[in-house]
Amino acid sequence: MAQKNILHMLTPHKHVSPFDVNMALDAGYDAVVPYEAVTLEEVADLVQDVIFSRPPHWGASSGVFFGGDDAVLALDMIEAAKNALVPPFGTNIFADPAGSFTTAAAMVACVEKVLKEKKARALKDVRIAIFGATGVVGYCAAVIAALEGAEVTLVGHSGVARVKARADEMKQRFGVDVASVNGATDEEKKAVLEGADVVLAAAKAGVRVLTAALLQEAGGKLLAAADVNAVPPSGIEGIDVFDNGKEIAGTSALGVGALAIGNVKYQTESGLFKRMIEAPEPLALDFRDAFALARTLAP
């Protein structure tokens, strides 16, 4: 009987992501099977159907992928999948909700590379302010940076309550301390920039959070700024989507644009799918694994 590489793609939404389907098949999976409107409570039964339908030594030829657009739910689904395993039966497990794990990993990896090569700085002790921090990309970027020793601040756009709740959640789940502030007005954004070395913009597509004037007022304090928004207008004015360490006009800060980040994101997601296909034993992958790989791919 021929052994096939089969990926079972689960999402809490009505549809799985066509992006992820294409990525998985192009990476080398023989079949990708969608499961839609999946709840957390249903994960264990589905995972056990995956593992018990094949002999234990075929475990690495099966994979379970979690999509959606909720980073915390995806992490919970990973844990539910792990808890459902019955050794020696196993399967690969990977989550990338809305592409957020690989996008956040790519953004932080690209900024880290720029800081290291052009500013002689590491992530440790760098003050990073994140706009769009309640979204999936901002959430993951915050945790990745905090785990690397950065001083992270989550910036809210409608008060501090939502970002404070996210900060508390990060502390409970990952043991990291991150600050939270409001950044709705230009005056509040100025205050954020005054206390930041790096700015990450992960706000909703087509929403500008920082103008060129605000960046210029920050003077020479800002080391770098990154924006994952490729839909006009950009999240940070003055950063081209292809920029990768280019100085932002009127400042000494180095810009990293959405397509520069996206190129690393694409390679990271594809690389993790390939890693599962090639693994001799089943793997469990999340944004920390994505960051480890993205670090090796950042140009």
C-alpha atoms as a PDB file:
ATOM      1  CA  MET A   1       0.000   0.000   0.000  1.00  0.00           C
ATOM      2  CA  ALA A   2       1.438   3.365  -1.051  1.00  0.00           C
ATOM      3  CA  GLN A   3       2.160   5.791   1.779  1.00  0.00           C
ATOM      4  CA  LYS A   4       0.758   9.261   1.050  1.00  0.00           C
ATOM      5  CA  ASN A   5       1.467  12.556   2.800  1.00  0.00           C
ATOM      6  CA  ILE A   6      -1.977  13.729   3.899  1.00  0.00           C
ATOM      7  CA  LEU A   7      -2.742  17.082   5.540  1.00  0.00           C
ATOM      8  CA  HIS A   8      -6.016  17.519   7.431  1.00  0.00           C
ATOM      9  CA  MET A   9      -6.763  21.253   7.488  1.00  0.00           C
ATOM     10  CA  LEU A  10      -9.108  22.387  10.291  1.00  0.00           C
ATOM     11  CA  THR A  11     -10.679  25.809  10.694  1.00  0.00           C
ATOM     12  CA  PRO A  12     -13.367  27.260  12.973  1.00  0.00           C
ATOM     13  CA  HIS A  13     -14.562  29.298   9.969  1.00  0.00           C
ATOM     14  CA  LYS A  14     -16.922  28.528   7.111  1.00  0.00           C
ATOM     15  CA  HIS A  15     -14.015  27.956   4.715  1.00  0.00           C
ATOM     16  CA  VAL A  16     -10.381  26.943   4.967  1.00  0.00           C
ATOM     17  CA  SER A  17      -7.905  29.404   3.509  1.00  0.00           C
ATOM     18  CA  PRO A  18      -7.161  28.854  -0.209  1.00  0.00           C
ATOM     19  CA  PHE A  19      -3.764  30.429   0.490  1.00  0.00           C
ATOM     20  CA  ASP A  20      -2.895  27.678   2.969  1.00  0.00           C
ATOM     21  CA  VAL A  21      -4.247  24.945   0.683  1.00  0.00           C
ATOM     22  CA  ASN A  22      -2.030  26.137  -2.165  1.00  0.00           C
ATOM     23  CA  MET A  23       0.977  26.464   0.124  1.00  0.00           C
ATOM     24  CA  ALA A  24       0.588  22.936   1.477  1.00  0.00           C
ATOM     25  CA  LEU A  25       0.151  21.316  -1.925  1.00  0.00           C
ATOM     26  CA  ASP A  26       3.008  23.284  -3.467  1.00  0.00           C
ATOM     27  CA  ALA A  27       5.206  22.246  -0.540  1.00  0.00           C
ATOM     28  CA  GLY A  28       4.618  18.608  -1.473  1.00  0.00           C
ATOM     29  CA  TYR A  29       1.545  17.218   0.270  1.00  0.00           C
ATOM     30  CA  ASP A  30      -0.262  14.587  -1.788  1.00  0.00           C
ATOM     31  CA  ALA A  31      -3.679  15.534  -0.424  1.00  0.00           C
ATOM     32  CA  VAL A  32      -5.167  18.363   1.630  1.00  0.00           C
ATOM     33  CA  VAL A  33      -8.543  17.691   3.229  1.00  0.00           C
ATOM     34  CA  PRO A  34     -10.627  20.597   4.642  1.00  0.00           C
ATOM     35  CA  TYR A  35     -12.687  20.449   7.842  1.00  0.00           C
ATOM     36  CA  GLU A  36     -14.770  23.559   8.416  1.00  0.00           C
ATOM     37  CA  ALA A  37     -16.634  25.122  11.362  1.00  0.00           C
ATOM     38  CA  VAL A  38     -14.575  22.951  13.733  1.00  0.00           C
ATOM     39  CA  THR A  39     -14.929  23.683  17.441  1.00  0.00           C
ATOM     40  CA  LEU A  40     -12.246  23.208  20.076  1.00  0.00           C
ATOM     41  CA  GLU A  41     -14.268  20.348  21.561  1.00  0.00           C
ATOM     42  CA  GLU A  42     -14.193  18.462  18.256  1.00  0.00           C
ATOM     43  CA  VAL A  43     -10.427  18.533  17.802  1.00  0.00           C
ATOM     44  CA  ALA A  44      -9.602  15.449  19.880  1.00  0.00           C
ATOM     45  CA  ASP A  45     -11.974  13.124  18.021  1.00  0.00           C
ATOM     46  CA  LEU A  46     -10.739  14.325  14.631  1.00  0.00           C
ATOM     47  CA  VAL A  47      -7.096  13.915  15.631  1.00  0.00           C
ATOM     48  CA  GLN A  48      -7.707  10.411  16.916  1.00  0.00           C
ATOM     49  CA  ASP A  49      -9.410   9.488  13.635  1.00  0.00           C
ATOM     50  CA  VAL A  50      -6.243  10.699  11.891  1.00  0.00           C
ATOM     51  CA  ILE A  51      -3.801   8.724  14.022  1.00  0.00           C
ATOM     52  CA  PHE A  52      -5.725   5.463  14.416  1.00  0.00           C
ATOM     53  CA  SER A  53      -6.362   5.082  10.679  1.00  0.00           C
ATOM     54  CA  ARG A  54      -2.662   4.528   9.953  1.00  0.00           C
ATOM     55  CA  PRO A  55       0.092   2.399  11.502  1.00  0.00           C
ATOM     56  CA  PRO A  56       2.243   4.164  14.105  1.00  0.00           C
ATOM     57  CA  HIS A  57       5.329   4.281  11.879  1.00  0.00           C
ATOM     58  CA  TRP A  58       3.304   6.305   9.351  1.00  0.00           C
ATOM     59  CA  GLY A  59       2.582   9.038  11.875  1.00  0.00           C
ATOM     60  CA  ALA A  60       4.867  11.616  10.258  1.00  0.00           C
ATOM     61  CA  SER A  61       3.041  11.137   6.945  1.00  0.00           C
ATOM     62  CA  SER A  62      -0.109  12.635   8.443  1.00  0.00           C
ATOM     63  CA  GLY A  63      -0.554  16.238   9.467  1.00  0.00           C
ATOM     64  CA  VAL A  64      -3.183  18.351  11.222  1.00  0.00           C
ATOM     65  CA  PHE A  65      -3.187  22.075  10.441  1.00  0.00           C
ATOM     66  CA  PHE A  66      -5.192  24.717  12.317  1.00  0.00           C
ATOM     67  CA  GLY A  67      -6.316  27.895  10.555  1.00  0.00           C
ATOM     68  CA  GLY A  68      -8.896  30.542  11.433  1.00  0.00           C
ATOM     69  CA  ASP A  69      -8.078  34.045  12.637  1.00  0.00           C
ATOM     70  CA  ASP A  70      -7.682  33.652  16.388  1.00  0.00           C
ATOM     71  CA  ALA A  71      -4.142  33.079  17.666  1.00  0.00           C
ATOM     72  CA  VAL A  72      -5.247  32.000  21.138  1.00  0.00           C
ATOM     73  CA  LEU A  73      -7.836  29.544  19.809  1.00  0.00           C
ATOM     74  CA  ALA A  74      -5.259  28.071  17.435  1.00  0.00           C
ATOM     75  CA  LEU A  75      -2.847  27.569  20.336  1.00  0.00           C
ATOM     76  CA  ASP A  76      -5.637  25.932  22.336  1.00  0.00           C
ATOM     77  CA  MET A  77      -6.363  23.638  19.393  1.00  0.00           C
ATOM     78  CA  ILE A  78      -2.690  22.656  19.242  1.00  0.00           C
ATOM     79  CA  GLU A  79      -2.839  21.698  22.915  1.00  0.00           C
ATOM     80  CA  ALA A  80      -6.077  19.767  22.390  1.00  0.00           C
ATOM     81  CA  ALA A  81      -4.438  17.896  19.506  1.00  0.00           C
ATOM     82  CA  LYS A  82      -1.351  17.063  21.554  1.00  0.00           C
ATOM     83  CA  ASN A  83      -3.509  15.814  24.438  1.00  0.00           C
ATOM     84  CA  ALA A  84      -5.451  13.581  22.037  1.00  0.00           C
ATOM     85  CA  LEU A  85      -2.352  11.672  20.910  1.00  0.00           C
ATOM     86  CA  VAL A  86      -2.001   8.078  22.061  1.00  0.00           C
ATOM     87  CA  PRO A  87       1.619   6.924  21.702  1.00  0.00           C
ATOM     88  CA  PRO A  88       2.981   5.249  19.690  1.00  0.00           C
ATOM     89  CA  PHE A  89       0.362   6.749  17.341  1.00  0.00           C
ATOM     90  CA  GLY A  90       1.121  10.306  16.284  1.00  0.00           C
ATOM     91  CA  THR A  91       0.735  13.011  13.668  1.00  0.00           C
ATOM     92  CA  ASN A  92       2.330  16.311  12.712  1.00  0.00           C
ATOM     93  CA  ILE A  93       0.592  19.369  14.207  1.00  0.00           C
ATOM     94  CA  PHE A  94       0.909  22.931  12.898  1.00  0.00           C
ATOM     95  CA  ALA A  95      -1.085  26.151  13.233  1.00  0.00           C
ATOM     96  CA  ASP A  96      -0.915  29.395  11.280  1.00  0.00           C
ATOM     97  CA  PRO A  97      -4.237  31.238  11.798  1.00  0.00           C
ATOM     98  CA  ALA A  98      -4.736  33.848   9.061  1.00  0.00           C
ATOM     99  CA  GLY A  99      -1.045  33.413   8.309  1.00  0.00           C
ATOM    100  CA  SER A 100      -0.326  35.234  11.552  1.00  0.00           C
ATOM    101  CA  PHE A 101       2.275  32.922  13.069  1.00  0.00           C
ATOM    102  CA  THR A 102       4.493  32.968   9.984  1.00  0.00           C
ATOM    103  CA  THR A 103       3.827  36.657   9.232  1.00  0.00           C
ATOM    104  CA  ALA A 104       4.683  37.763  12.767  1.00  0.00           C
ATOM    105  CA  ALA A 105       7.765  35.558  12.732  1.00  0.00           C
ATOM    106  CA  ALA A 106       8.873  37.059   9.434  1.00  0.00           C
ATOM    107  CA  MET A 107       8.277  40.635  10.602  1.00  0.00           C
ATOM    108  CA  VAL A 108      10.294  40.253  13.790  1.00  0.00           C
ATOM    109  CA  ALA A 109      13.039  38.310  11.990  1.00  0.00           C
ATOM    110  CA  CYS A 110      13.385  41.002   9.299  1.00  0.00           C
ATOM    111  CA  VAL A 111      13.536  43.769  11.915  1.00  0.00           C
ATOM    112  CA  GLU A 112      16.074  41.802  13.941  1.00  0.00           C
ATOM    113  CA  LYS A 113      18.289  41.385  10.863  1.00  0.00           C
ATOM    114  CA  VAL A 114      18.110  45.109  10.030  1.00  0.00           C
ATOM    115  CA  LEU A 115      18.883  46.095  13.617  1.00  0.00           C
ATOM    116  CA  LYS A 116      21.830  43.733  13.800  1.00  0.00           C
ATOM    117  CA  GLU A 117      23.397  44.622  10.463  1.00  0.00           C
ATOM    118  CA  LYS A 118      22.744  48.370  10.327  1.00  0.00           C
ATOM    119  CA  LYS A 119      22.311  49.489  13.940  1.00  0.00           C
ATOM    120  CA  ALA A 120      24.485  46.954  15.800  1.00  0.00           C
ATOM    121  CA  ARG A 121      21.560  46.106  18.074  1.00  0.00           C
ATOM    122  CA  ALA A 122      19.840  42.871  19.103  1.00  0.00           C
ATOM    123  CA  LEU A 123      16.201  42.419  20.089  1.00  0.00           C
ATOM    124  CA  LYS A 124      17.122  42.139  23.753  1.00  0.00           C
ATOM    125  CA  ASP A 125      16.284  45.331  25.650  1.00  0.00           C
ATOM    126  CA  VAL A 126      15.067  47.118  22.506  1.00  0.00           C
ATOM    127  CA  ARG A 127      11.843  49.048  23.173  1.00  0.00           C
ATOM    128  CA  ILE A 128       9.213  47.870  20.687  1.00  0.00           C
ATOM    129  CA  ALA A 129       5.792  49.480  20.286  1.00  0.00           C
ATOM    130  CA  ILE A 130       3.179  47.455  18.414  1.00  0.00           C
ATOM    131  CA  PHE A 131       0.159  49.044  16.747  1.00  0.00           C
ATOM    132  CA  GLY A 132      -2.647  46.616  15.905  1.00  0.00           C
ATOM    133  CA  ALA A 133      -1.584  44.561  18.896  1.00  0.00           C
ATOM    134  CA  THR A 134      -4.974  42.940  19.512  1.00  0.00           C
ATOM    135  CA  GLY A 135      -4.914  41.305  16.060  1.00  0.00           C
ATOM    136  CA  VAL A 136      -3.369  37.934  15.380  1.00  0.00           C
ATOM    137  CA  VAL A 137      -0.139  39.210  13.796  1.00  0.00           C
ATOM    138  CA  GLY A 138       0.422  41.883  16.431  1.00  0.00           C
ATOM    139  CA  TYR A 139      -0.278  39.408  19.222  1.00  0.00           C
ATOM    140  CA  CYS A 140       2.245  36.870  17.952  1.00  0.00           C
ATOM    141  CA  ALA A 141       4.867  39.506  17.160  1.00  0.00           C
ATOM    142  CA  ALA A 142       4.545  40.825  20.708  1.00  0.00           C
ATOM    143  CA  VAL A 143       5.102  37.415  22.260  1.00  0.00           C
ATOM    144  CA  ILE A 144       8.012  36.556  19.955  1.00  0.00           C
ATOM    145  CA  ALA A 145       9.759  39.860  20.691  1.00  0.00           C
ATOM    146  CA  ALA A 146       9.103  39.640  24.440  1.00  0.00           C
ATOM    147  CA  LEU A 147      10.465  36.091  24.580  1.00  0.00           C
ATOM    148  CA  GLU A 148      13.632  37.432  22.942  1.00  0.00           C
ATOM    149  CA  GLY A 149      14.047  39.992  25.709  1.00  0.00           C
ATOM    150  CA  ALA A 150      12.582  43.080  24.042  1.00  0.00           C
ATOM    151  CA  GLU A 151      10.618  45.622  26.083  1.00  0.00           C
ATOM    152  CA  VAL A 152       7.238  45.419  24.355  1.00  0.00           C
ATOM    153  CA  THR A 153       4.351  47.872  24.511  1.00  0.00           C
ATOM    154  CA  LEU A 154       0.942  47.064  23.048  1.00  0.00           C
ATOM    155  CA  VAL A 155      -0.692  50.186  21.616  1.00  0.00           C
ATOM    156  CA  GLY A 156      -4.485  50.413  21.604  1.00  0.00           C
ATOM    157  CA  HIS A 157      -6.609  52.507  19.250  1.00  0.00           C
ATOM    158  CA  SER A 158      -9.797  52.723  21.325  1.00  0.00           C
ATOM    159  CA  GLY A 159      -8.679  52.809  24.907  1.00  0.00           C
ATOM    160  CA  VAL A 160      -6.354  50.631  26.913  1.00  0.00           C
ATOM    161  CA  ALA A 161      -8.765  47.907  28.085  1.00  0.00           C
ATOM    162  CA  ARG A 162      -8.412  45.556  25.103  1.00  0.00           C
ATOM    163  CA  VAL A 163      -4.622  45.739  24.924  1.00  0.00           C
ATOM    164  CA  LYS A 164      -4.367  45.359  28.705  1.00  0.00           C
ATOM    165  CA  ALA A 165      -6.447  42.172  28.467  1.00  0.00           C
ATOM    166  CA  ARG A 166      -4.076  40.895  25.764  1.00  0.00           C
ATOM    167  CA  ALA A 167      -1.069  41.779  27.913  1.00  0.00           C
ATOM    168  CA  ASP A 168      -2.539  39.874  30.870  1.00  0.00           C
ATOM    169  CA  GLU A 169      -3.207  36.899  28.612  1.00  0.00           C
ATOM    170  CA  MET A 170       0.394  36.893  27.368  1.00  0.00           C
ATOM    171  CA  LYS A 171       1.665  36.978  30.937  1.00  0.00           C
ATOM    172  CA  GLN A 172      -0.512  34.037  31.940  1.00  0.00           C
ATOM    173  CA  ARG A 173       0.210  31.901  28.881  1.00  0.00           C
ATOM    174  CA  PHE A 174       3.856  32.703  28.118  1.00  0.00           C
ATOM    175  CA  GLY A 175       5.206  34.351  31.270  1.00  0.00           C
ATOM    176  CA  VAL A 176       6.160  37.574  29.485  1.00  0.00           C
ATOM    177  CA  ASP A 177       5.587  41.094  30.797  1.00  0.00           C
ATOM    178  CA  VAL A 178       4.384  43.579  28.199  1.00  0.00           C
ATOM    179  CA  ALA A 179       3.076  47.096  28.721  1.00  0.00           C
ATOM    180  CA  SER A 180      -0.160  48.525  27.306  1.00  0.00           C
ATOM    181  CA  VAL A 181      -1.057  52.102  26.379  1.00  0.00           C
ATOM    182  CA  ASN A 182      -3.620  53.961  24.323  1.00  0.00           C
ATOM    183  CA  GLY A 183      -2.560  55.404  20.972  1.00  0.00           C
ATOM    184  CA  ALA A 184      -5.733  56.757  19.456  1.00  0.00           C
ATOM    185  CA  THR A 185      -4.712  60.398  19.041  1.00  0.00           C
ATOM    186  CA  ASP A 186      -1.649  61.979  17.476  1.00  0.00           C
ATOM    187  CA  GLU A 187      -0.561  63.246  20.883  1.00  0.00           C
ATOM    188  CA  GLU A 188      -0.757  59.738  22.325  1.00  0.00           C
ATOM    189  CA  LYS A 189       1.129  58.357  19.317  1.00  0.00           C
ATOM    190  CA  LYS A 190       3.853  60.973  19.820  1.00  0.00           C
ATOM    191  CA  ALA A 191       4.243  59.800  23.405  1.00  0.00           C
ATOM    192  CA  VAL A 192       4.512  56.196  22.215  1.00  0.00           C
ATOM    193  CA  LEU A 193       7.187  57.088  19.659  1.00  0.00           C
ATOM    194  CA  GLU A 194       9.193  59.021  22.254  1.00  0.00           C
ATOM    195  CA  GLY A 195       9.547  55.835  24.287  1.00  0.00           C
ATOM    196  CA  ALA A 196      10.193  53.426  21.412  1.00  0.00           C
ATOM    197  CA  ASP A 197      13.251  52.220  19.521  1.00  0.00           C
ATOM    198  CA  VAL A 198      11.202  50.150  17.074  1.00  0.00           C
ATOM    199  CA  VAL A 199       7.625  50.394  15.824  1.00  0.00           C
ATOM    200  CA  LEU A 200       5.690  47.469  14.345  1.00  0.00           C
ATOM    201  CA  ALA A 201       2.442  48.194  12.511  1.00  0.00           C
ATOM    202  CA  ALA A 202       0.082  45.223  12.292  1.00  0.00           C
ATOM    203  CA  ALA A 203      -3.197  47.103  12.048  1.00  0.00           C
ATOM    204  CA  LYS A 204      -6.096  46.265   9.731  1.00  0.00           C
ATOM    205  CA  ALA A 205      -5.297  46.429   6.009  1.00  0.00           C
ATOM    206  CA  GLY A 206      -5.744  49.892   4.517  1.00  0.00           C
ATOM    207  CA  VAL A 207      -5.549  51.690   7.860  1.00  0.00           C
ATOM    208  CA  ARG A 208      -2.775  54.252   8.361  1.00  0.00           C
ATOM    209  CA  VAL A 209      -1.632  54.369  11.971  1.00  0.00           C
ATOM    210  CA  LEU A 210       1.474  56.562  11.666  1.00  0.00           C
ATOM    211  CA  THR A 211       2.061  59.533   9.369  1.00  0.00           C
ATOM    212  CA  ALA A 212       5.406  60.713   8.042  1.00  0.00           C
ATOM    213  CA  ALA A 213       5.066  63.837  10.165  1.00  0.00           C
ATOM    214  CA  LEU A 214       4.801  61.799  13.365  1.00  0.00           C
ATOM    215  CA  LEU A 215       7.870  59.767  12.459  1.00  0.00           C
ATOM    216  CA  GLN A 216       9.841  62.890  11.630  1.00  0.00           C
ATOM    217  CA  GLU A 217       8.909  64.457  14.958  1.00  0.00           C
ATOM    218  CA  ALA A 218      10.425  61.426  16.653  1.00  0.00           C
ATOM    219  CA  GLY A 219      13.756  62.695  15.350  1.00  0.00           C
ATOM    220  CA  GLY A 220      16.678  60.312  15.508  1.00  0.00           C
ATOM    221  CA  LYS A 221      15.354  58.228  18.383  1.00  0.00           C
ATOM    222  CA  LEU A 222      13.601  55.612  16.268  1.00  0.00           C
ATOM    223  CA  LEU A 223      15.850  52.835  14.973  1.00  0.00           C
ATOM    224  CA  ALA A 224      13.414  50.926  12.738  1.00  0.00           C
ATOM    225  CA  ALA A 225       9.783  50.609  11.718  1.00  0.00           C
ATOM    226  CA  ALA A 226       7.993  47.717  10.021  1.00  0.00           C
ATOM    227  CA  ASP A 227       4.582  47.565   8.372  1.00  0.00           C
ATOM    228  CA  VAL A 228       2.748  44.395   7.279  1.00  0.00           C
ATOM    229  CA  ASN A 229      -0.024  46.265   5.454  1.00  0.00           C
ATOM    230  CA  ALA A 230       0.299  45.915   1.663  1.00  0.00           C
ATOM    231  CA  VAL A 231      -3.115  47.507   0.960  1.00  0.00           C
ATOM    232  CA  PRO A 232      -3.013  51.287   0.308  1.00  0.00           C
ATOM    233  CA  PRO A 233      -2.734  53.422   2.274  1.00  0.00           C
ATOM    234  CA  SER A 234       0.221  51.898   4.072  1.00  0.00           C
ATOM    235  CA  GLY A 235       0.080  51.485   7.816  1.00  0.00           C
ATOM    236  CA  ILE A 236       3.186  53.635   8.200  1.00  0.00           C
ATOM    237  CA  GLU A 237       3.612  56.493   5.749  1.00  0.00           C
ATOM    238  CA  GLY A 238       6.997  56.588   4.066  1.00  0.00           C
ATOM    239  CA  ILE A 239       7.649  52.831   3.997  1.00  0.00           C
ATOM    240  CA  ASP A 240       7.466  51.221   0.561  1.00  0.00           C
ATOM    241  CA  VAL A 241       6.216  47.633   0.472  1.00  0.00           C
ATOM    242  CA  PHE A 242       9.606  46.478  -0.894  1.00  0.00           C
ATOM    243  CA  ASP A 243      11.758  48.351   1.626  1.00  0.00           C
ATOM    244  CA  ASN A 244      14.105  46.217   3.685  1.00  0.00           C
ATOM    245  CA  GLY A 245      16.314  48.475   5.760  1.00  0.00           C
ATOM    246  CA  LYS A 246      15.918  51.612   3.664  1.00  0.00           C
ATOM    247  CA  GLU A 247      16.006  54.860   5.630  1.00  0.00           C
ATOM    248  CA  ILE A 248      12.578  56.482   5.969  1.00  0.00           C
ATOM    249  CA  ALA A 249      12.588  59.977   4.484  1.00  0.00           C
ATOM    250  CA  GLY A 250      13.131  62.702   7.061  1.00  0.00           C
ATOM    251  CA  THR A 251      14.266  60.250   9.738  1.00  0.00           C
ATOM    252  CA  SER A 252      17.191  57.990  10.571  1.00  0.00           C
ATOM    253  CA  ALA A 253      14.822  55.037  11.114  1.00  0.00           C
ATOM    254  CA  LEU A 254      15.068  52.049   8.789  1.00  0.00           C
ATOM    255  CA  GLY A 255      11.876  50.832   7.155  1.00  0.00           C
ATOM    256  CA  VAL A 256      10.763  47.264   6.489  1.00  0.00           C
ATOM    257  CA  GLY A 257       7.803  46.897   4.123  1.00  0.00           C
ATOM    258  CA  ALA A 258       4.990  44.416   3.698  1.00  0.00           C
ATOM    259  CA  LEU A 259       6.295  42.572   0.660  1.00  0.00           C
ATOM    260  CA  ALA A 260       9.797  42.251   2.100  1.00  0.00           C
ATOM    261  CA  ILE A 261       8.157  40.654   5.138  1.00  0.00           C
ATOM    262  CA  GLY A 262       5.778  38.663   2.944  1.00  0.00           C
ATOM    263  CA  ASN A 263       8.614  37.039   1.034  1.00  0.00           C
ATOM    264  CA  VAL A 264      10.062  35.671   4.266  1.00  0.00           C
ATOM    265  CA  LYS A 265       6.577  34.704   5.490  1.00  0.00           C
ATOM    266  CA  TYR A 266       5.960  32.710   2.304  1.00  0.00           C
ATOM    267  CA  GLN A 267       9.256  30.852   2.626  1.00  0.00           C
ATOM    268  CA  THR A 268       8.612  30.202   6.310  1.00  0.00           C
ATOM    269  CA  GLU A 269       5.166  28.666   5.862  1.00  0.00           C
ATOM    270  CA  SER A 270       6.345  26.586   2.919  1.00  0.00           C
ATOM    271  CA  GLY A 271       9.429  25.540   4.859  1.00  0.00           C
ATOM    272  CA  LEU A 272       7.410  24.340   7.854  1.00  0.00           C
ATOM    273  CA  PHE A 273       5.111  22.287   5.610  1.00  0.00           C
ATOM    274  CA  LYS A 274       8.186  20.736   3.983  1.00  0.00           C
ATOM    275  CA  ARG A 275       9.712  20.066   7.386  1.00  0.00           C
ATOM    276  CA  MET A 276       6.631  18.058   8.383  1.00  0.00           C
ATOM    277  CA  ILE A 277       6.685  16.098   5.124  1.00  0.00           C
ATOM    278  CA  GLU A 278      10.358  15.241   5.562  1.00  0.00           C
ATOM    279  CA  ALA A 279      10.321  14.633   9.331  1.00  0.00           C
ATOM    280  CA  PRO A 280      11.165  11.076  10.474  1.00  0.00           C
ATOM    281  CA  GLU A 281       9.015  11.612  13.580  1.00  0.00           C
ATOM    282  CA  PRO A 282       5.880  13.767  14.066  1.00  0.00           C
ATOM    283  CA  LEU A 283       6.384  17.438  14.910  1.00  0.00           C
ATOM    284  CA  ALA A 284       4.285  20.050  16.734  1.00  0.00           C
ATOM    285  CA  LEU A 285       4.908  23.553  15.351  1.00  0.00           C
ATOM    286  CA  ASP A 286       3.749  27.026  16.376  1.00  0.00           C
ATOM    287  CA  PHE A 287       4.968  30.622  15.987  1.00  0.00           C
ATOM    288  CA  ARG A 288       8.164  29.933  17.938  1.00  0.00           C
ATOM    289  CA  ASP A 289       9.192  27.359  15.350  1.00  0.00           C
ATOM    290  CA  ALA A 290       8.174  29.799  12.626  1.00  0.00           C
ATOM    291  CA  PHE A 291      10.454  32.459  14.125  1.00  0.00           C
ATOM    292  CA  ALA A 292      13.401  30.067  14.392  1.00  0.00           C
ATOM    293  CA  LEU A 293      13.064  29.313  10.677  1.00  0.00           C
ATOM    294  CA  ALA A 294      12.334  32.906   9.621  1.00  0.00           C
ATOM    295  CA  ARG A 295      15.555  34.018  11.295  1.00  0.00           C
ATOM    296  CA  THR A 296      17.502  31.846   8.847  1.00  0.00           C
ATOM    297  CA  LEU A 297      15.565  33.234   5.870  1.00  0.00           C
ATOM    298  CA  ALA A 298      15.586  37.001   6.547  1.00  0.00           C
ATOM    299  CA  PRO A 299      17.621  38.616   3.747  1.00  0.00           C
END
